[in-house]
Amino acid sequence: MGYVVERQLMDGDIVLFNRQPSLHRMSMMAHMVKVMPNKTFRLNLSVCPPYNADFDGDEMNLHAVQSEEARSEAEVLMKVQENMLSPRFGGPIIGALHDHITGCFLLTYKQRKFSMSEVTQILSAIDYKGKLPKVKVDKQCGKWISGKDIFSLLLPKELNLEYRATCCAKCEVCQKRDCPNDAWVVLRDGRLLQGTIDDKSIGAFKGEILAQTARRWGNKAACQFLDKITRMGIATLDVLGFSLGIDDEDIPSDAKNQIKETLDKTRKKIENLIKAYEDGNLEVLPARSPEETLEMEIMRATGQGRDLAGEIASRSLGMDNNAVIMAKSGARGSMLNVSQMAGCVGQQAVRGERISRGYLNRTLPHFKPGDLSAEAKGFVSSSYKSGLTPTEYFFNSMGGREGLVDTAVRTSRSGYMQRRLINALEDIKVKEDGSVRDTTGSIIQFQYGEDGVDPSKSVFGDAVKIDDIIKEAMEGE
């Protein structure tokens, strides 16, 4: 083509990285190059959420900027660490994920003790060269340091925070500092005094410590903090070991019996509802027909049955179960996933209703015409661990198919909707007096957002956090 190659890409060059569809400004950010072998792009796991990227075959674009003006602009405005806080809600959009969160959770949950060799291994992963925290001694463990003290080494020295962790059990009366689940986090002068570090502390979208660090000490400090906690999380998992196997979904036989009893009660309740409907004795809900009332009551009964089965399953698994740890800490999945694996999958729904279409007057030829029972309309009483019957598997596939179709349809609709909005609003801007106007000078809003708050400078959407300011002022006195 006649192009002249001035030079090859080198370590430290500034490049723009992008993943389609580019839906917000963080879909295109500036990165520093580290030239590595092979022909794939590699990027830090924590930068994936703003790109909505994962490693299952995603393709991304790299643009090497060439003029000095373009390079300086990319570095000042577009660098990853300049975009840590989302302009949508003021919280961190770049944060710890998955194994990082699990590792930090295991490091700080309750009073975990680490031997001196384990501490050395964890701290060497973050290249720590400072003073060690207080070493304690007892007969059982010898010399040890608590996980909370190890994590505190990375915290900014003036950091003061108090909040509920993701692993909070949502008790009726919150005991705050006396929380039995170690879910009330207290940070004083850069020390983790109590509570567990999980998704609420360091995660993308929620991380309180990350957001506070970025707001008070700048994006560079938040970037360095994030880099170190992610390495510390992985190093902790290396020391303790962490894996998920099929036996993590095993529950004791008495729990299985309890779940069977619960599901039998649910079936009995549904049979009674169907009998009342057939006899004309069913109490009809306001503005509903008897048929609609029956369907709603059955949906409610199956939902309660699944929830109870899930509670029994999660109670018997406990906090030393790796699947539960991931769900409770906010690393991946939810307790619903755990309860479906170990307890009961529950009612399959299509368009928010029990499955009704199929053959004439019945869903499948395996059932009698007009059968209104739970099993005939898509209730899956088995768990994924125990395995589904052929009819349950078919209904489960119907529910799953709806999700896939919904996703495909929704993305195209929302994409077109966003394009129309952008075209309609492209000439609107905020003037020096704080008003929002179009190119003709017509006022759209007297004050931006009607409150004058820049969402990217807000505290998770609020202009200021009054409680934190009062607490800080009182402590200062």
Protein backbone atom coordinates (compact mmCIF):
# COMPACT_ATOMS: atom_id res chain seq x y z
CA MET A 1 0.00 0.00 0.00
CA GLY A 2 3.03 2.31 0.16
CA TYR A 3 2.81 2.97 3.94
CA VAL A 4 6.01 3.70 5.84
CA VAL A 5 6.43 1.82 9.15
CA GLU A 6 8.12 4.42 11.38
CA ARG A 7 8.63 1.94 14.23
CA GLN A 8 7.07 -1.05 15.96
CA LEU A 9 4.83 -0.77 19.03
CA MET A 10 6.90 -0.63 22.23
CA ASP A 11 6.38 -1.04 25.97
CA GLY A 12 4.93 2.14 27.47
CA ASP A 13 3.18 3.36 24.30
CA ILE A 14 -0.31 4.79 24.80
CA VAL A 15 -3.02 3.02 22.78
CA LEU A 16 -6.81 3.18 22.67
CA PHE A 17 -8.65 -0.06 23.36
CA ASN A 18 -12.30 -0.59 22.46
CA ARG A 19 -14.97 -3.29 22.53
CA GLN A 20 -18.15 -3.11 20.52
CA PRO A 21 -20.93 -2.25 21.10
CA SER A 22 -19.54 1.05 22.48
CA LEU A 23 -22.42 2.06 24.75
CA HIS A 24 -20.74 4.49 27.18
CA ARG A 25 -17.50 6.44 27.37
CA MET A 26 -15.69 3.61 29.25
CA SER A 27 -16.13 1.38 26.15
CA MET A 28 -13.02 3.07 24.77
CA MET A 29 -10.11 3.74 27.14
CA ALA A 30 -6.37 4.35 26.90
CA HIS A 31 -3.95 1.62 28.03
CA MET A 32 -0.19 1.41 28.31
CA VAL A 33 1.34 -1.24 26.07
CA LYS A 34 3.27 -4.23 27.35
CA VAL A 35 4.45 -6.17 24.31
CA MET A 36 4.05 -9.93 24.85
CA PRO A 37 4.37 -13.03 22.64
CA ASN A 38 1.44 -14.62 20.73
CA LYS A 39 -1.35 -12.99 18.78
CA THR A 40 -4.05 -12.20 21.34
CA PHE A 41 -4.79 -9.07 23.35
CA ARG A 42 -4.49 -9.56 27.09
CA LEU A 43 -5.98 -7.22 29.68
CA ASN A 44 -6.39 -7.03 33.43
CA LEU A 45 -9.49 -8.83 34.69
CA SER A 46 -10.66 -5.74 36.65
CA VAL A 47 -10.95 -3.70 33.42
CA CYS A 48 -13.50 -6.13 31.94
CA PRO A 49 -16.78 -4.71 33.42
CA PRO A 50 -16.68 -1.29 31.66
CA TYR A 51 -15.99 -3.01 28.34
CA ASN A 52 -18.49 -5.77 29.20
CA ALA A 53 -15.71 -8.11 28.03
CA ASP A 54 -15.06 -11.74 28.89
CA PHE A 55 -12.63 -14.35 27.64
CA ASP A 56 -14.97 -16.58 25.64
CA GLY A 57 -13.92 -15.41 22.17
CA ASP A 58 -14.51 -11.65 22.44
CA GLU A 59 -12.78 -9.49 19.83
CA MET A 60 -11.48 -6.00 20.65
CA ASN A 61 -9.92 -3.15 18.67
CA LEU A 62 -6.59 -1.46 19.38
CA HIS A 63 -5.75 1.99 17.97
CA ALA A 64 -2.18 3.26 18.19
CA VAL A 65 -2.35 7.06 18.51
CA GLN A 66 0.51 8.76 16.68
CA SER A 67 0.70 12.52 17.26
CA GLU A 68 1.96 13.95 20.58
CA GLU A 69 -1.33 15.89 21.02
CA ALA A 70 -3.38 12.70 20.62
CA ARG A 71 -1.11 10.80 23.00
CA SER A 72 -1.31 13.45 25.73
CA GLU A 73 -5.08 13.75 25.32
CA ALA A 74 -5.50 9.98 25.59
CA GLU A 75 -3.28 9.86 28.69
CA VAL A 76 -5.02 12.72 30.52
CA LEU A 77 -8.64 12.03 29.58
CA MET A 78 -8.94 8.37 28.60
CA LYS A 79 -6.48 6.40 30.72
CA VAL A 80 -8.11 3.50 32.60
CA GLN A 81 -7.39 4.95 36.05
CA GLU A 82 -9.08 8.25 35.06
CA ASN A 83 -12.30 6.32 34.47
CA MET A 84 -12.54 4.25 37.66
CA LEU A 85 -15.65 6.07 38.92
CA SER A 86 -18.73 5.68 36.73
CA PRO A 87 -20.33 8.90 35.41
CA ARG A 88 -23.70 7.19 35.86
CA PHE A 89 -23.77 6.64 39.64
CA GLY A 90 -20.48 7.91 41.10
CA GLY A 91 -19.33 4.46 42.29
CA PRO A 92 -16.39 2.39 40.99
CA ILE A 93 -17.05 0.65 37.66
CA ILE A 94 -13.58 -0.93 37.79
CA GLY A 95 -13.01 -3.11 40.85
CA ALA A 96 -12.20 -6.54 42.21
CA LEU A 97 -14.01 -9.54 40.68
CA HIS A 98 -14.65 -13.23 41.31
CA ASP A 99 -11.50 -14.83 42.83
CA HIS A 100 -10.19 -11.47 44.09
CA ILE A 101 -13.33 -11.09 46.24
CA THR A 102 -13.31 -14.73 47.40
CA GLY A 103 -9.65 -14.41 48.41
CA CYS A 104 -10.15 -11.15 50.38
CA PHE A 105 -13.27 -12.67 52.00
CA LEU A 106 -11.35 -15.74 53.20
CA LEU A 107 -8.47 -13.52 54.35
CA THR A 108 -10.66 -11.30 56.56
CA TYR A 109 -13.65 -13.48 57.59
CA LYS A 110 -13.85 -13.69 61.39
CA GLN A 111 -10.45 -14.20 63.13
CA ARG A 112 -8.49 -16.24 60.59
CA LYS A 113 -4.88 -16.91 61.64
CA PHE A 114 -1.97 -17.05 59.20
CA SER A 115 1.42 -18.54 60.05
CA MET A 116 4.55 -16.51 59.35
CA SER A 117 5.38 -18.54 56.21
CA GLU A 118 1.83 -17.96 54.85
CA VAL A 119 2.08 -14.22 55.64
CA THR A 120 5.42 -14.08 53.78
CA GLN A 121 3.88 -15.79 50.75
CA ILE A 122 0.87 -13.41 50.66
CA LEU A 123 2.94 -10.24 51.16
CA SER A 124 5.59 -11.25 48.61
CA ALA A 125 2.82 -11.36 45.97
CA ILE A 126 2.26 -7.61 46.44
CA ASP A 127 5.99 -6.85 46.79
CA TYR A 128 5.46 -5.46 50.31
CA LYS A 129 8.58 -4.02 51.94
CA GLY A 130 7.15 -2.19 54.99
CA LYS A 131 6.79 -3.11 58.65
CA LEU A 132 4.89 -6.26 59.61
CA PRO A 133 1.75 -5.98 61.76
CA LYS A 134 1.77 -7.17 65.38
CA VAL A 135 2.79 -10.84 65.63
CA LYS A 136 0.77 -12.91 68.12
CA VAL A 137 1.80 -16.24 69.67
CA ASP A 138 -0.21 -19.18 70.99
CA LYS A 139 0.50 -22.85 71.71
CA GLN A 140 -1.63 -24.24 68.86
CA CYS A 141 -0.45 -22.07 65.94
CA GLY A 142 2.87 -20.70 67.15
CA LYS A 143 3.55 -17.24 65.69
CA TRP A 144 0.63 -15.88 63.67
CA ILE A 145 -0.89 -12.69 62.22
CA SER A 146 -4.62 -12.16 61.68
CA GLY A 147 -5.97 -11.77 58.13
CA LYS A 148 -7.58 -8.45 59.08
CA ASP A 149 -4.16 -7.04 60.05
CA ILE A 150 -2.64 -8.27 56.78
CA PHE A 151 -5.39 -6.56 54.75
CA SER A 152 -5.00 -3.35 56.81
CA LEU A 153 -1.45 -2.95 55.45
CA LEU A 154 -2.93 -1.80 52.12
CA LEU A 155 -5.48 0.68 53.47
CA PRO A 156 -4.87 4.48 53.35
CA LYS A 157 -3.91 5.64 56.85
CA GLU A 158 -6.71 8.25 57.26
CA LEU A 159 -9.52 5.98 56.03
CA ASN A 160 -12.59 5.84 58.32
CA LEU A 161 -15.69 3.93 57.24
CA GLU A 162 -18.56 1.93 58.73
CA TYR A 163 -21.04 -0.09 56.65
CA ARG A 164 -22.75 -3.47 56.13
CA ALA A 165 -20.90 -6.11 54.08
CA THR A 166 -22.54 -8.16 51.30
CA CYS A 167 -22.46 -11.25 53.54
CA CYS A 168 -24.96 -9.52 55.91
CA ALA A 169 -27.72 -12.01 56.84
CA LYS A 170 -30.29 -9.14 57.05
CA CYS A 171 -31.35 -9.95 60.61
CA GLU A 172 -34.61 -8.39 61.87
CA VAL A 173 -32.68 -6.30 64.41
CA CYS A 174 -29.19 -5.30 63.23
CA GLN A 175 -26.64 -5.80 66.02
CA LYS A 176 -24.10 -3.63 64.17
CA ARG A 177 -20.76 -3.98 66.00
CA ASP A 178 -21.93 -7.19 67.74
CA CYS A 179 -22.80 -8.88 64.43
CA PRO A 180 -22.43 -12.69 64.83
CA ASN A 181 -21.72 -13.05 61.07
CA ASP A 182 -18.85 -10.51 61.08
CA ALA A 183 -20.79 -8.48 58.49
CA TRP A 184 -20.51 -5.01 60.12
CA VAL A 185 -17.32 -3.46 58.70
CA VAL A 186 -15.47 -0.88 60.84
CA LEU A 187 -12.39 0.88 59.46
CA ARG A 188 -10.56 3.31 61.77
CA ASP A 189 -7.44 5.26 60.72
CA GLY A 190 -6.66 2.76 57.99
CA ARG A 191 -7.14 -0.36 60.16
CA LEU A 192 -9.78 -3.02 59.66
CA LEU A 193 -11.03 -3.44 63.22
CA GLN A 194 -13.95 -5.75 62.42
CA GLY A 195 -16.09 -7.00 59.57
CA THR A 196 -15.37 -8.93 56.38
CA ILE A 197 -14.01 -7.56 53.11
CA ASP A 198 -16.22 -8.66 50.21
CA ASP A 199 -18.06 -7.27 47.16
CA LYS A 200 -19.42 -4.26 49.14
CA SER A 201 -15.87 -3.18 50.05
CA ILE A 202 -13.80 -3.73 46.90
CA GLY A 203 -16.13 -4.98 44.14
CA ALA A 204 -16.88 -3.27 40.83
CA PHE A 205 -20.15 -1.21 41.12
CA LYS A 206 -20.35 -1.44 44.94
CA GLY A 207 -16.85 -1.07 46.45
CA GLU A 208 -17.07 1.45 49.32
CA ILE A 209 -13.33 1.46 50.09
CA LEU A 210 -12.43 1.83 46.40
CA ALA A 211 -14.87 4.72 45.90
CA GLN A 212 -13.70 6.53 49.03
CA THR A 213 -10.02 6.09 48.06
CA ALA A 214 -10.63 7.42 44.54
CA ARG A 215 -12.60 10.43 45.82
CA ARG A 216 -10.20 11.42 48.63
CA TRP A 217 -6.76 10.40 47.40
CA GLY A 218 -7.26 10.40 43.64
CA ASN A 219 -7.49 7.81 40.90
CA LYS A 220 -3.81 6.90 41.01
CA ALA A 221 -4.05 5.85 44.69
CA ALA A 222 -7.24 3.87 43.96
CA CYS A 223 -5.53 2.17 41.01
CA GLN A 224 -2.51 1.12 43.12
CA PHE A 225 -4.81 -0.06 45.95
CA LEU A 226 -6.91 -2.13 43.53
CA ASP A 227 -3.81 -3.68 41.96
CA LYS A 228 -2.51 -4.76 45.36
CA ILE A 229 -5.79 -6.13 46.78
CA THR A 230 -6.42 -8.22 43.66
CA ARG A 231 -2.94 -9.74 43.94
CA MET A 232 -3.44 -10.27 47.68
CA GLY A 233 -6.78 -12.02 47.05
CA ILE A 234 -5.23 -14.45 44.55
CA ALA A 235 -2.21 -15.05 46.85
CA THR A 236 -4.60 -15.90 49.74
CA LEU A 237 -6.35 -18.49 47.55
CA ASP A 238 -2.94 -19.92 46.64
CA VAL A 239 -2.17 -20.34 50.36
CA LEU A 240 -5.57 -21.67 51.48
CA GLY A 241 -6.65 -23.52 48.33
CA PHE A 242 -10.09 -23.05 46.79
CA SER A 243 -12.02 -25.23 44.38
CA LEU A 244 -15.60 -26.18 43.55
CA GLY A 245 -16.58 -29.79 43.00
CA ILE A 246 -19.78 -31.79 42.58
CA ASP A 247 -19.62 -32.83 46.25
CA ASP A 248 -19.99 -29.18 47.31
CA GLU A 249 -23.70 -29.60 46.47
CA ASP A 250 -24.13 -32.68 48.70
CA ILE A 251 -26.57 -32.21 51.57
CA PRO A 252 -27.21 -34.61 54.49
CA SER A 253 -30.05 -37.17 54.22
CA ASP A 254 -32.13 -35.50 56.98
CA ALA A 255 -32.04 -32.22 54.95
CA LYS A 256 -33.16 -34.19 51.86
CA ASN A 257 -36.06 -35.62 53.87
CA GLN A 258 -37.04 -32.14 55.10
CA ILE A 259 -37.04 -30.85 51.50
CA LYS A 260 -39.18 -33.86 50.43
CA GLU A 261 -41.68 -33.10 53.22
CA THR A 262 -41.79 -29.40 52.23
CA LEU A 263 -42.44 -30.26 48.57
CA ASP A 264 -45.11 -32.81 49.57
CA LYS A 265 -46.85 -30.06 51.57
CA THR A 266 -46.64 -27.75 48.54
CA ARG A 267 -48.20 -30.44 46.32
CA LYS A 268 -51.00 -31.00 48.87
CA LYS A 269 -51.66 -27.26 49.03
CA ILE A 270 -51.91 -27.08 45.22
CA GLU A 271 -54.27 -30.11 45.15
CA ASN A 272 -56.52 -28.34 47.68
CA LEU A 273 -56.51 -25.16 45.56
CA ILE A 274 -57.43 -27.14 42.41
CA LYS A 275 -60.23 -28.99 44.30
CA ALA A 276 -61.61 -25.66 45.62
CA TYR A 277 -61.53 -24.27 42.06
CA GLU A 278 -63.30 -27.32 40.59
CA ASP A 279 -65.95 -27.20 43.35
CA GLY A 280 -66.45 -23.44 42.82
CA ASN A 281 -65.29 -22.63 46.38
CA LEU A 282 -62.09 -20.75 45.48
CA GLU A 283 -61.99 -17.23 46.90
CA VAL A 284 -61.54 -15.04 43.82
CA LEU A 285 -59.01 -12.19 43.98
CA PRO A 286 -60.22 -8.66 43.11
CA ALA A 287 -60.35 -7.97 39.34
CA ARG A 288 -59.37 -11.58 38.56
CA SER A 289 -61.27 -14.51 37.09
CA PRO A 290 -61.32 -17.85 39.00
CA GLU A 291 -58.80 -19.29 36.48
CA GLU A 292 -56.40 -16.35 36.96
CA THR A 293 -56.81 -16.56 40.75
CA LEU A 294 -55.96 -20.28 40.72
CA GLU A 295 -52.84 -19.71 38.59
CA MET A 296 -51.66 -16.87 40.85
CA GLU A 297 -52.20 -18.87 44.04
CA ILE A 298 -50.39 -21.92 42.59
CA MET A 299 -47.45 -19.72 41.46
CA ARG A 300 -47.26 -18.29 44.99
CA ALA A 301 -47.36 -21.79 46.55
CA THR A 302 -44.62 -23.16 44.25
CA GLY A 303 -42.46 -20.07 44.91
CA GLN A 304 -42.77 -20.55 48.68
CA GLY A 305 -42.01 -24.28 48.31
CA ARG A 306 -38.82 -23.59 46.37
CA ASP A 307 -37.71 -20.88 48.83
CA LEU A 308 -38.23 -23.19 51.82
CA ALA A 309 -36.33 -26.00 50.09
CA GLY A 310 -33.53 -23.53 49.34
CA GLU A 311 -33.39 -22.37 52.96
CA ILE A 312 -33.11 -25.97 54.21
CA ALA A 313 -30.34 -26.69 51.66
CA SER A 314 -28.32 -23.53 52.44
CA ARG A 315 -28.67 -24.10 56.22
CA SER A 316 -27.17 -27.57 55.88
CA LEU A 317 -24.31 -26.38 53.63
CA GLY A 318 -23.02 -23.62 55.96
CA MET A 319 -20.24 -21.04 55.61
CA ASP A 320 -17.43 -23.58 55.12
CA ASN A 321 -18.94 -24.57 51.76
CA ASN A 322 -17.14 -23.04 48.76
CA ALA A 323 -20.31 -22.50 46.70
CA VAL A 324 -21.93 -20.67 49.65
CA ILE A 325 -18.76 -18.58 50.19
CA MET A 326 -18.86 -17.37 46.58
CA ALA A 327 -22.58 -16.55 46.77
CA LYS A 328 -22.48 -14.82 50.19
CA SER A 329 -19.37 -12.75 49.47
CA GLY A 330 -20.81 -11.50 46.15
CA ALA A 331 -17.95 -13.06 44.15
CA ARG A 332 -20.22 -15.01 41.78
CA GLY A 333 -23.73 -16.39 41.70
CA SER A 334 -26.39 -16.19 44.39
CA MET A 335 -27.93 -18.33 47.09
CA LEU A 336 -30.75 -19.08 44.60
CA ASN A 337 -28.18 -20.83 42.36
CA VAL A 338 -26.91 -22.83 45.35
CA SER A 339 -30.42 -23.80 46.44
CA GLN A 340 -31.34 -24.88 42.89
CA MET A 341 -28.21 -27.05 42.71
CA ALA A 342 -28.72 -28.67 46.12
CA GLY A 343 -32.43 -28.28 46.98
CA CYS A 344 -35.11 -27.76 44.33
CA VAL A 345 -35.11 -26.03 40.91
CA GLY A 346 -38.67 -24.73 41.29
CA GLN A 347 -41.46 -23.58 38.98
CA GLN A 348 -40.52 -22.99 35.33
CA ALA A 349 -42.28 -19.99 33.84
CA VAL A 350 -42.88 -18.69 30.33
CA ARG A 351 -44.04 -15.04 30.10
CA GLY A 352 -44.45 -14.95 33.86
CA GLU A 353 -47.00 -17.81 33.93
CA ARG A 354 -46.92 -21.57 34.44
CA ILE A 355 -46.24 -23.53 31.27
CA SER A 356 -49.60 -24.19 29.55
CA ARG A 357 -48.95 -24.55 25.80
CA GLY A 358 -48.07 -27.84 24.15
CA TYR A 359 -50.66 -30.44 23.15
CA LEU A 360 -54.45 -30.08 23.17
CA ASN A 361 -55.59 -29.42 26.78
CA ARG A 362 -52.24 -30.56 28.21
CA THR A 363 -48.56 -29.62 28.12
CA LEU A 364 -47.16 -33.06 27.18
CA PRO A 365 -48.66 -36.47 26.28
CA HIS A 366 -47.32 -37.79 29.62
CA PHE A 367 -50.20 -36.06 31.46
CA LYS A 368 -54.00 -36.43 31.31
CA PRO A 369 -55.99 -33.76 29.43
CA GLY A 370 -57.01 -30.89 31.74
CA ASP A 371 -54.40 -31.79 34.39
CA LEU A 372 -53.70 -28.65 36.50
CA SER A 373 -51.22 -30.24 38.92
CA ALA A 374 -47.78 -28.78 39.67
CA GLU A 375 -45.82 -31.42 37.70
CA ALA A 376 -48.06 -31.13 34.60
CA LYS A 377 -47.47 -27.37 34.40
CA GLY A 378 -43.71 -27.14 34.78
CA PHE A 379 -42.83 -27.49 38.48
CA VAL A 380 -39.37 -29.07 38.83
CA SER A 381 -39.12 -30.64 42.29
CA SER A 382 -35.68 -32.22 41.65
CA SER A 383 -32.39 -30.41 42.20
CA TYR A 384 -29.67 -30.13 39.55
CA LYS A 385 -27.48 -32.39 41.72
CA SER A 386 -30.06 -35.19 41.95
CA GLY A 387 -30.93 -34.83 38.25
CA LEU A 388 -34.17 -33.96 36.42
CA THR A 389 -36.76 -36.37 35.01
CA PRO A 390 -37.33 -36.21 31.21
CA THR A 391 -40.50 -34.07 31.59
CA GLU A 392 -38.78 -31.75 34.11
CA TYR A 393 -35.81 -31.40 31.76
CA PHE A 394 -38.14 -30.44 28.89
CA PHE A 395 -39.91 -27.78 30.99
CA ASN A 396 -36.54 -26.48 32.26
CA SER A 397 -35.38 -26.08 28.65
CA MET A 398 -38.56 -24.12 27.85
CA GLY A 399 -37.85 -21.68 30.69
CA GLY A 400 -34.21 -21.35 29.60
CA ARG A 401 -35.15 -20.77 25.95
CA GLU A 402 -37.31 -17.80 26.93
CA GLY A 403 -34.29 -16.18 28.60
CA LEU A 404 -32.18 -16.62 25.44
CA VAL A 405 -34.85 -15.18 23.13
CA ASP A 406 -35.48 -12.32 25.55
CA THR A 407 -31.76 -11.41 25.60
CA ALA A 408 -31.48 -11.44 21.80
CA VAL A 409 -34.62 -9.32 21.33
CA ARG A 410 -33.84 -6.89 24.17
CA THR A 411 -30.32 -5.97 22.99
CA SER A 412 -31.47 -4.98 19.49
CA ARG A 413 -34.37 -2.93 20.88
CA SER A 414 -32.33 -1.12 23.54
CA GLY A 415 -29.53 -0.46 21.01
CA TYR A 416 -31.92 1.20 18.59
CA MET A 417 -33.57 3.12 21.44
CA GLN A 418 -30.17 4.45 22.59
CA ARG A 419 -29.28 5.53 19.05
CA ARG A 420 -32.53 7.50 18.72
CA LEU A 421 -31.95 9.14 22.10
CA ILE A 422 -28.36 10.13 21.24
CA ASN A 423 -29.50 11.65 17.93
CA ALA A 424 -32.27 13.57 19.71
CA LEU A 425 -30.00 14.90 22.47
CA GLU A 426 -26.71 15.42 20.60
CA ASP A 427 -26.96 19.26 20.51
CA ILE A 428 -27.79 19.69 24.23
CA LYS A 429 -25.10 20.98 26.59
CA VAL A 430 -24.62 22.51 30.04
CA LYS A 431 -23.85 26.25 29.92
CA GLU A 432 -21.64 28.21 32.35
CA ASP A 433 -24.70 29.32 34.39
CA GLY A 434 -25.61 25.65 35.09
CA SER A 435 -28.60 25.62 32.74
CA VAL A 436 -29.09 22.98 30.03
CA ARG A 437 -29.70 24.43 26.56
CA ASP A 438 -29.77 23.42 22.91
CA THR A 439 -27.92 25.10 20.02
CA THR A 440 -30.61 27.78 19.60
CA GLY A 441 -30.14 28.78 23.28
CA SER A 442 -33.57 27.45 24.33
CA ILE A 443 -33.59 26.34 27.97
CA ILE A 444 -34.24 22.62 28.43
CA GLN A 445 -33.55 22.65 32.21
CA PHE A 446 -32.87 25.64 34.45
CA GLN A 447 -30.43 23.50 36.44
CA TYR A 448 -28.61 20.40 35.18
CA GLY A 449 -30.48 17.29 36.30
CA GLU A 450 -32.77 19.65 38.30
CA ASP A 451 -30.38 19.37 41.25
CA GLY A 452 -27.09 20.57 39.70
CA VAL A 453 -25.25 17.41 40.82
CA ASP A 454 -22.68 15.84 38.50
CA PRO A 455 -23.36 12.07 38.89
CA SER A 456 -19.68 11.20 38.38
CA LYS A 457 -18.76 13.38 41.39
CA SER A 458 -21.66 12.08 43.52
CA VAL A 459 -21.47 9.46 46.27
CA PHE A 460 -23.34 6.50 44.74
CA GLY A 461 -25.95 8.94 43.36
CA ASP A 462 -26.24 11.22 46.43
CA ALA A 463 -24.78 14.74 46.23
CA VAL A 464 -23.14 14.32 49.66
CA LYS A 465 -23.20 11.71 52.44
CA ILE A 466 -24.28 13.82 55.42
CA ASP A 467 -23.84 10.98 57.96
CA ASP A 468 -20.16 10.50 57.01
CA ILE A 469 -19.45 14.25 57.21
CA ILE A 470 -21.05 14.52 60.67
CA LYS A 471 -19.17 11.41 61.90
CA GLU A 472 -15.86 12.74 60.60
CA ALA A 473 -16.45 16.19 62.17
CA MET A 474 -17.31 14.63 65.56
CA GLU A 475 -14.23 12.37 65.50
CA GLY A 476 -12.06 15.36 64.55
CA GLU A 477 -13.17 17.15 67.71
